[in-house]
Amino acid sequence: MSHNQEGAAWSILGYLISGPLFWGGVGFGLDSWLGTGFLLPSGVIVGMGASLYLVWLRFGREA
């Protein structure tokens, strides 16, 4: 694996971890504030979808 490919792999992993963590955290905060219980799982799902979309935008499209 070349240095460029290794950097891309770490970037993809970072996107896939940080998206659900961030949006899950937003959902958790809103759940705590509003007294609901559905925003945390919704935030995690939205975060994963957004992460996959960002990975596709950056690495998946043909040049």
Protein backbone atom coordinates (compact mmCIF):
# COMPACT_ATOMS: atom_id res chain seq x y z
CA MET A 1 0.00 0.00 0.00
CA SER A 2 1.48 3.32 -1.03
CA HIS A 3 1.68 6.30 1.27
CA ASN A 4 -1.16 8.04 -0.63
CA GLN A 5 -3.48 5.05 -0.32
CA GLU A 6 -2.68 4.69 3.36
CA GLY A 7 -3.56 8.33 3.95
CA ALA A 8 -6.83 7.89 2.07
CA ALA A 9 -7.71 4.82 4.15
CA TRP A 10 -7.14 6.75 7.38
CA SER A 11 -9.21 9.67 6.08
CA ILE A 12 -12.09 7.35 5.20
CA LEU A 13 -11.92 5.70 8.62
CA GLY A 14 -11.93 9.11 10.27
CA TYR A 15 -15.02 10.19 8.32
CA LEU A 16 -16.86 6.96 9.14
CA ILE A 17 -16.14 7.32 12.87
CA SER A 18 -16.53 11.06 13.34
CA GLY A 19 -19.87 11.48 11.52
CA PRO A 20 -21.94 9.17 13.71
CA LEU A 21 -20.11 10.34 16.84
CA PHE A 22 -20.79 14.01 16.12
CA TRP A 23 -24.41 13.66 15.02
CA GLY A 24 -25.07 11.06 17.72
CA GLY A 25 -23.75 13.59 20.23
CA VAL A 26 -26.06 16.24 18.83
CA GLY A 27 -28.95 13.79 19.11
CA PHE A 28 -27.96 12.91 22.67
CA GLY A 29 -27.85 16.56 23.65
CA LEU A 30 -31.24 17.24 22.08
CA ASP A 31 -32.68 14.12 23.74
CA SER A 32 -31.45 15.34 27.12
CA TRP A 33 -32.73 18.85 26.54
CA LEU A 34 -36.12 17.89 25.11
CA GLY A 35 -36.73 14.75 27.19
CA THR A 36 -37.15 12.49 24.16
CA GLY A 37 -35.56 9.17 23.31
CA PHE A 38 -35.47 8.94 19.53
CA LEU A 39 -32.99 11.64 18.53
CA LEU A 40 -29.81 9.77 19.51
CA PRO A 41 -30.43 6.82 17.15
CA SER A 42 -31.66 9.25 14.49
CA GLY A 43 -28.46 11.29 14.86
CA VAL A 44 -26.28 8.21 14.52
CA ILE A 45 -28.11 7.16 11.35
CA VAL A 46 -27.93 10.66 9.87
CA GLY A 47 -24.23 10.83 10.78
CA MET A 48 -23.47 7.54 9.06
CA GLY A 49 -25.36 8.60 5.96
CA ALA A 50 -23.54 11.93 5.88
CA SER A 51 -20.19 10.19 6.38
CA LEU A 52 -20.82 7.77 3.53
CA TYR A 53 -21.85 10.66 1.30
CA LEU A 54 -18.68 12.62 2.15
CA VAL A 55 -16.51 9.57 1.47
CA TRP A 56 -18.24 9.13 -1.87
CA LEU A 57 -17.78 12.81 -2.74
CA ARG A 58 -14.10 12.82 -1.89
CA PHE A 59 -12.94 9.36 -2.95
CA GLY A 60 -15.69 7.61 -4.91
CA ARG A 61 -16.28 9.83 -7.90
CA GLU A 62 -14.28 9.28 -11.04
CA ALA A 63 -11.68 11.91 -11.83
